[in-house]
């Protein structure tokens, strides 16, 4: 109980960054010059699909502002899911040598894969993750006038002109891969809860 409460309190500053003032979040979108139906990530077969009216009636001002916010969140979640998906597969095949926590005499190989690993992780591990997430949310900012997810690192290691067809194609690839990874990691979590294994056994 104490551990859960402490982890929640440590993650609170990072989560509050999503509630930052609209002008700080939305002035960097660079999306207002185009119609929403023409934006990155609006792809067949659904195209522009907003049955709950989150874009039209969202909390960030205009539909363009709402779309920019939700698209930025989707890109970030997709990147996290891709890293998580590959991380789960990597842990099944290879474990780092040495100790995760020398003071607790806990080796990397002792930590179970998947959600079960959270129960075995020391409190200090949760603190490190909370600090890393918090620093990322505070320090890494969207570049002004660029597409959601552009934090100044380029796309796929390649510098592309903003608004070019090559940029849009690669951003659509990233969003699609992120969407698949979100479904994939959720499927792994469900499989772990149902069968006890993070990966299906063939």
C-alpha atoms as a PDB file:
ATOM      1  CA  UNK A   1       0.000   0.000   0.000  1.00  0.00           C
ATOM      2  CA  UNK A   2       2.745   2.441   0.965  1.00  0.00           C
ATOM      3  CA  UNK A   3       4.711   1.620  -2.175  1.00  0.00           C
ATOM      4  CA  UNK A   4       1.682   2.245  -4.422  1.00  0.00           C
ATOM      5  CA  UNK A   5       0.985   5.575  -2.749  1.00  0.00           C
ATOM      6  CA  UNK A   6       4.599   6.721  -3.051  1.00  0.00           C
ATOM      7  CA  UNK A   7       4.797   5.760  -6.728  1.00  0.00           C
ATOM      8  CA  UNK A   8       1.546   7.644  -7.396  1.00  0.00           C
ATOM      9  CA  UNK A   9       2.873  10.770  -5.690  1.00  0.00           C
ATOM     10  CA  UNK A  10       6.141  10.583  -7.628  1.00  0.00           C
ATOM     11  CA  UNK A  11       4.333  10.270 -10.965  1.00  0.00           C
ATOM     12  CA  UNK A  12       1.916  13.112 -10.220  1.00  0.00           C
ATOM     13  CA  UNK A  13       4.154  15.981 -11.526  1.00  0.00           C
ATOM     14  CA  UNK A  14       4.650  14.190 -14.850  1.00  0.00           C
ATOM     15  CA  UNK A  15       0.936  13.534 -15.249  1.00  0.00           C
ATOM     16  CA  UNK A  16       0.045  17.142 -14.465  1.00  0.00           C
ATOM     17  CA  UNK A  17       2.106  18.329 -17.433  1.00  0.00           C
ATOM     18  CA  UNK A  18      -0.752  17.122 -19.683  1.00  0.00           C
ATOM     19  CA  UNK A  19      -2.921  19.813 -18.042  1.00  0.00           C
ATOM     20  CA  UNK A  20      -0.567  22.646 -18.896  1.00  0.00           C
ATOM     21  CA  UNK A  21      -2.124  25.855 -20.218  1.00  0.00           C
ATOM     22  CA  UNK A  22      -3.478  25.664 -23.736  1.00  0.00           C
ATOM     23  CA  UNK A  23      -1.237  28.404 -25.112  1.00  0.00           C
ATOM     24  CA  UNK A  24       1.932  26.502 -24.116  1.00  0.00           C
ATOM     25  CA  UNK A  25       0.768  23.195 -25.559  1.00  0.00           C
ATOM     26  CA  UNK A  26      -1.047  24.298 -28.654  1.00  0.00           C
ATOM     27  CA  UNK A  27       0.908  27.215 -30.051  1.00  0.00           C
ATOM     28  CA  UNK A  28       3.510  24.752 -31.332  1.00  0.00           C
ATOM     29  CA  UNK A  29       1.161  22.571 -33.349  1.00  0.00           C
ATOM     30  CA  UNK A  30       1.671  23.938 -36.850  1.00  0.00           C
ATOM     31  CA  UNK A  31      -1.602  22.274 -37.880  1.00  0.00           C
ATOM     32  CA  UNK A  32      -3.964  25.204 -38.227  1.00  0.00           C
ATOM     33  CA  UNK A  33      -3.210  25.902 -41.883  1.00  0.00           C
ATOM     34  CA  UNK A  34      -4.582  22.546 -43.035  1.00  0.00           C
ATOM     35  CA  UNK A  35      -7.911  20.812 -42.803  1.00  0.00           C
ATOM     36  CA  UNK A  36      -8.016  18.111 -40.140  1.00  0.00           C
ATOM     37  CA  UNK A  37      -9.015  15.488 -42.693  1.00  0.00           C
ATOM     38  CA  UNK A  38      -5.701  16.105 -44.484  1.00  0.00           C
ATOM     39  CA  UNK A  39      -3.504  15.699 -41.394  1.00  0.00           C
ATOM     40  CA  UNK A  40      -0.941  13.019 -40.668  1.00  0.00           C
ATOM     41  CA  UNK A  41      -2.539   9.906 -39.192  1.00  0.00           C
ATOM     42  CA  UNK A  42      -5.936  10.362 -40.858  1.00  0.00           C
ATOM     43  CA  UNK A  43      -5.798   7.193 -42.923  1.00  0.00           C
ATOM     44  CA  UNK A  44      -8.131   4.683 -44.593  1.00  0.00           C
ATOM     45  CA  UNK A  45     -10.211   2.686 -43.989  1.00  0.00           C
ATOM     46  CA  UNK A  46     -11.662   4.947 -41.238  1.00  0.00           C
ATOM     47  CA  UNK A  47     -10.216   8.280 -42.327  1.00  0.00           C
ATOM     48  CA  UNK A  48     -11.279  11.063 -39.962  1.00  0.00           C
ATOM     49  CA  UNK A  49     -13.150   9.196 -37.234  1.00  0.00           C
ATOM     50  CA  UNK A  50     -14.338  11.027 -34.109  1.00  0.00           C
ATOM     51  CA  UNK A  51     -17.631   9.463 -32.930  1.00  0.00           C
ATOM     52  CA  UNK A  52     -17.375  11.066 -29.451  1.00  0.00           C
ATOM     53  CA  UNK A  53     -16.776  14.583 -30.769  1.00  0.00           C
ATOM     54  CA  UNK A  54     -13.491  14.995 -28.870  1.00  0.00           C
ATOM     55  CA  UNK A  55     -11.970  17.120 -31.626  1.00  0.00           C
ATOM     56  CA  UNK A  56     -14.939  19.458 -32.039  1.00  0.00           C
ATOM     57  CA  UNK A  57     -15.803  19.795 -28.333  1.00  0.00           C
ATOM     58  CA  UNK A  58     -12.426  19.196 -26.684  1.00  0.00           C
ATOM     59  CA  UNK A  59     -10.899  21.344 -23.925  1.00  0.00           C
ATOM     60  CA  UNK A  60      -8.081  22.958 -25.914  1.00  0.00           C
ATOM     61  CA  UNK A  61      -9.946  25.605 -27.902  1.00  0.00           C
ATOM     62  CA  UNK A  62     -10.422  25.115 -31.627  1.00  0.00           C
ATOM     63  CA  UNK A  63     -10.766  21.741 -33.364  1.00  0.00           C
ATOM     64  CA  UNK A  64      -7.223  22.207 -34.758  1.00  0.00           C
ATOM     65  CA  UNK A  65      -5.859  22.716 -31.239  1.00  0.00           C
ATOM     66  CA  UNK A  66      -7.709  19.665 -29.943  1.00  0.00           C
ATOM     67  CA  UNK A  67      -6.498  17.561 -32.851  1.00  0.00           C
ATOM     68  CA  UNK A  68      -2.892  18.699 -32.328  1.00  0.00           C
ATOM     69  CA  UNK A  69      -3.024  17.772 -28.641  1.00  0.00           C
ATOM     70  CA  UNK A  70      -4.551  14.332 -29.146  1.00  0.00           C
ATOM     71  CA  UNK A  71      -2.282  13.546 -32.095  1.00  0.00           C
ATOM     72  CA  UNK A  72       0.796  14.494 -30.021  1.00  0.00           C
ATOM     73  CA  UNK A  73      -0.388  12.229 -27.188  1.00  0.00           C
ATOM     74  CA  UNK A  74      -0.984   9.391 -29.653  1.00  0.00           C
ATOM     75  CA  UNK A  75       2.506   9.737 -31.149  1.00  0.00           C
ATOM     76  CA  UNK A  76       4.078   9.671 -27.676  1.00  0.00           C
ATOM     77  CA  UNK A  77       2.060   6.642 -26.573  1.00  0.00           C
ATOM     78  CA  UNK A  78       2.895   4.864 -29.823  1.00  0.00           C
ATOM     79  CA  UNK A  79       6.616   5.399 -29.276  1.00  0.00           C
ATOM     80  CA  UNK A  80       6.367   4.108 -25.706  1.00  0.00           C
ATOM     81  CA  UNK A  81       4.406   1.068 -26.902  1.00  0.00           C
ATOM     82  CA  UNK A  82       6.982   0.294 -29.606  1.00  0.00           C
ATOM     83  CA  UNK A  83       9.777   0.421 -27.027  1.00  0.00           C
ATOM     84  CA  UNK A  84       7.750  -1.726 -24.624  1.00  0.00           C
ATOM     85  CA  UNK A  85       6.905  -4.308 -27.294  1.00  0.00           C
ATOM     86  CA  UNK A  86      10.542  -4.690 -28.321  1.00  0.00           C
ATOM     87  CA  UNK A  87      11.621  -4.660 -24.674  1.00  0.00           C
ATOM     88  CA  UNK A  88       9.372  -7.595 -23.806  1.00  0.00           C
ATOM     89  CA  UNK A  89      10.672  -9.639 -26.745  1.00  0.00           C
ATOM     90  CA  UNK A  90      14.290  -8.745 -25.900  1.00  0.00           C
ATOM     91  CA  UNK A  91      13.848  -9.815 -22.278  1.00  0.00           C
ATOM     92  CA  UNK A  92      12.520 -13.174 -23.395  1.00  0.00           C
ATOM     93  CA  UNK A  93      15.673 -13.771 -25.451  1.00  0.00           C
ATOM     94  CA  UNK A  94      18.413 -11.994 -23.496  1.00  0.00           C
ATOM     95  CA  UNK A  95      19.052 -10.601 -20.024  1.00  0.00           C
ATOM     96  CA  UNK A  96      21.781  -8.186 -18.971  1.00  0.00           C
ATOM     97  CA  UNK A  97      24.531  -9.604 -16.822  1.00  0.00           C
ATOM     98  CA  UNK A  98      25.044  -8.333 -13.279  1.00  0.00           C
ATOM     99  CA  UNK A  99      22.871  -6.811 -10.600  1.00  0.00           C
ATOM    100  CA  UNK A 100      19.819  -4.628 -11.009  1.00  0.00           C
ATOM    101  CA  UNK A 101      20.032  -3.780  -7.293  1.00  0.00           C
ATOM    102  CA  UNK A 102      23.211  -4.878  -5.470  1.00  0.00           C
ATOM    103  CA  UNK A 103      21.794  -3.768  -2.109  1.00  0.00           C
ATOM    104  CA  UNK A 104      18.769  -6.046  -2.590  1.00  0.00           C
ATOM    105  CA  UNK A 105      20.923  -8.798  -4.141  1.00  0.00           C
ATOM    106  CA  UNK A 106      18.627  -8.671  -7.190  1.00  0.00           C
ATOM    107  CA  UNK A 107      20.044  -9.625 -10.591  1.00  0.00           C
ATOM    108  CA  UNK A 108      18.566  -8.657 -13.938  1.00  0.00           C
ATOM    109  CA  UNK A 109      17.947 -12.346 -14.590  1.00  0.00           C
ATOM    110  CA  UNK A 110      15.871 -12.563 -11.369  1.00  0.00           C
ATOM    111  CA  UNK A 111      13.295 -10.043 -12.572  1.00  0.00           C
ATOM    112  CA  UNK A 112      10.309 -11.671 -14.305  1.00  0.00           C
ATOM    113  CA  UNK A 113       9.287 -10.420 -17.720  1.00  0.00           C
ATOM    114  CA  UNK A 114       6.087  -8.431 -18.223  1.00  0.00           C
ATOM    115  CA  UNK A 115       3.763  -7.127 -15.527  1.00  0.00           C
ATOM    116  CA  UNK A 116       5.063  -9.686 -13.030  1.00  0.00           C
ATOM    117  CA  UNK A 117       8.337  -7.756 -12.964  1.00  0.00           C
ATOM    118  CA  UNK A 118       6.609  -4.810 -11.261  1.00  0.00           C
ATOM    119  CA  UNK A 119       6.023  -6.892  -8.142  1.00  0.00           C
ATOM    120  CA  UNK A 120       9.699  -7.806  -7.876  1.00  0.00           C
ATOM    121  CA  UNK A 121      11.095  -4.347  -8.624  1.00  0.00           C
ATOM    122  CA  UNK A 122      12.556  -2.436  -5.636  1.00  0.00           C
ATOM    123  CA  UNK A 123      11.033   0.908  -4.685  1.00  0.00           C
ATOM    124  CA  UNK A 124      14.165   2.682  -5.920  1.00  0.00           C
ATOM    125  CA  UNK A 125      13.427   1.385  -9.423  1.00  0.00           C
ATOM    126  CA  UNK A 126      10.016   3.062  -9.428  1.00  0.00           C
ATOM    127  CA  UNK A 127      11.604   6.286  -8.184  1.00  0.00           C
ATOM    128  CA  UNK A 128      14.138   6.255 -11.038  1.00  0.00           C
ATOM    129  CA  UNK A 129      11.384   5.714 -13.617  1.00  0.00           C
ATOM    130  CA  UNK A 130       9.255   8.496 -12.124  1.00  0.00           C
ATOM    131  CA  UNK A 131      12.182  10.935 -12.197  1.00  0.00           C
ATOM    132  CA  UNK A 132      13.036  10.011 -15.803  1.00  0.00           C
ATOM    133  CA  UNK A 133       9.421  10.451 -16.969  1.00  0.00           C
ATOM    134  CA  UNK A 134       9.110  13.745 -15.083  1.00  0.00           C
ATOM    135  CA  UNK A 135      12.328  15.168 -16.539  1.00  0.00           C
ATOM    136  CA  UNK A 136      11.269  14.133 -20.035  1.00  0.00           C
ATOM    137  CA  UNK A 137       7.872  15.824 -19.683  1.00  0.00           C
ATOM    138  CA  UNK A 138       9.412  19.060 -18.379  1.00  0.00           C
ATOM    139  CA  UNK A 139      12.538  19.321 -20.560  1.00  0.00           C
ATOM    140  CA  UNK A 140      11.621  17.840 -23.956  1.00  0.00           C
ATOM    141  CA  UNK A 141       9.357  20.222 -25.842  1.00  0.00           C
ATOM    142  CA  UNK A 142       7.536  20.144 -29.155  1.00  0.00           C
ATOM    143  CA  UNK A 143       9.250  22.344 -31.760  1.00  0.00           C
ATOM    144  CA  UNK A 144       7.216  25.347 -32.767  1.00  0.00           C
ATOM    145  CA  UNK A 145       5.505  25.109 -36.141  1.00  0.00           C
ATOM    146  CA  UNK A 146       6.344  21.411 -36.569  1.00  0.00           C
ATOM    147  CA  UNK A 147       4.272  18.261 -36.683  1.00  0.00           C
ATOM    148  CA  UNK A 148       3.271  16.576 -33.386  1.00  0.00           C
ATOM    149  CA  UNK A 149       6.113  14.436 -32.063  1.00  0.00           C
ATOM    150  CA  UNK A 150       8.939  16.581 -33.495  1.00  0.00           C
ATOM    151  CA  UNK A 151      11.160  17.302 -30.508  1.00  0.00           C
ATOM    152  CA  UNK A 152      14.143  18.503 -32.530  1.00  0.00           C
ATOM    153  CA  UNK A 153      15.654  15.051 -33.094  1.00  0.00           C
ATOM    154  CA  UNK A 154      14.482  14.669 -36.688  1.00  0.00           C
ATOM    155  CA  UNK A 155      12.400  11.788 -37.994  1.00  0.00           C
ATOM    156  CA  UNK A 156      14.084   8.384 -38.243  1.00  0.00           C
ATOM    157  CA  UNK A 157      17.441  10.151 -38.040  1.00  0.00           C
ATOM    158  CA  UNK A 158      16.739  12.020 -41.292  1.00  0.00           C
ATOM    159  CA  UNK A 159      16.116  15.746 -41.498  1.00  0.00           C
ATOM    160  CA  UNK A 160      13.086  16.419 -43.691  1.00  0.00           C
ATOM    161  CA  UNK A 161      11.441  19.589 -44.861  1.00  0.00           C
ATOM    162  CA  UNK A 162       8.367  20.392 -42.781  1.00  0.00           C
ATOM    163  CA  UNK A 163       5.222  19.561 -44.739  1.00  0.00           C
ATOM    164  CA  UNK A 164       6.978  17.580 -47.477  1.00  0.00           C
ATOM    165  CA  UNK A 165       5.464  14.406 -48.923  1.00  0.00           C
ATOM    166  CA  UNK A 166       8.422  12.366 -47.595  1.00  0.00           C
ATOM    167  CA  UNK A 167       7.825  13.705 -44.088  1.00  0.00           C
ATOM    168  CA  UNK A 168       4.100  12.925 -44.204  1.00  0.00           C
ATOM    169  CA  UNK A 169       4.724   9.398 -45.499  1.00  0.00           C
ATOM    170  CA  UNK A 170       7.256   8.590 -42.758  1.00  0.00           C
ATOM    171  CA  UNK A 171       5.116  10.162 -40.041  1.00  0.00           C
ATOM    172  CA  UNK A 172       2.161   8.054 -41.194  1.00  0.00           C
ATOM    173  CA  UNK A 173       4.386   4.962 -41.014  1.00  0.00           C
ATOM    174  CA  UNK A 174       5.403   5.867 -37.459  1.00  0.00           C
ATOM    175  CA  UNK A 175       1.807   6.435 -36.337  1.00  0.00           C
ATOM    176  CA  UNK A 176       0.668   3.143 -37.878  1.00  0.00           C
ATOM    177  CA  UNK A 177       3.543   1.258 -36.235  1.00  0.00           C
ATOM    178  CA  UNK A 178       2.706   2.933 -32.923  1.00  0.00           C
ATOM    179  CA  UNK A 179      -0.958   1.926 -33.202  1.00  0.00           C
ATOM    180  CA  UNK A 180       0.017  -1.684 -33.917  1.00  0.00           C
ATOM    181  CA  UNK A 181       2.482  -1.643 -31.012  1.00  0.00           C
ATOM    182  CA  UNK A 182      -0.203  -0.362 -28.625  1.00  0.00           C
ATOM    183  CA  UNK A 183      -2.439  -3.270 -29.626  1.00  0.00           C
ATOM    184  CA  UNK A 184       0.533  -5.638 -29.440  1.00  0.00           C
ATOM    185  CA  UNK A 185       1.654  -4.716 -25.924  1.00  0.00           C
ATOM    186  CA  UNK A 186      -1.953  -4.798 -24.662  1.00  0.00           C
ATOM    187  CA  UNK A 187      -2.283  -8.257 -26.203  1.00  0.00           C
ATOM    188  CA  UNK A 188       0.884  -9.379 -24.414  1.00  0.00           C
ATOM    189  CA  UNK A 189      -0.447  -8.070 -21.093  1.00  0.00           C
ATOM    190  CA  UNK A 190      -3.768  -9.852 -21.625  1.00  0.00           C
ATOM    191  CA  UNK A 191      -1.986 -13.072 -22.568  1.00  0.00           C
ATOM    192  CA  UNK A 192       0.120 -12.869 -19.410  1.00  0.00           C
ATOM    193  CA  UNK A 193      -2.966 -12.475 -17.214  1.00  0.00           C
ATOM    194  CA  UNK A 194      -4.842 -15.319 -18.928  1.00  0.00           C
ATOM    195  CA  UNK A 195      -2.085 -17.883 -19.521  1.00  0.00           C
ATOM    196  CA  UNK A 196       0.672 -16.769 -17.149  1.00  0.00           C
ATOM    197  CA  UNK A 197       3.078 -16.152 -20.039  1.00  0.00           C
ATOM    198  CA  UNK A 198       3.828 -12.782 -21.630  1.00  0.00           C
ATOM    199  CA  UNK A 199       4.266 -14.416 -25.053  1.00  0.00           C
ATOM    200  CA  UNK A 200       2.014 -17.101 -26.543  1.00  0.00           C
ATOM    201  CA  UNK A 201       3.404 -20.617 -26.549  1.00  0.00           C
ATOM    202  CA  UNK A 202       3.351 -22.335 -29.932  1.00  0.00           C
END
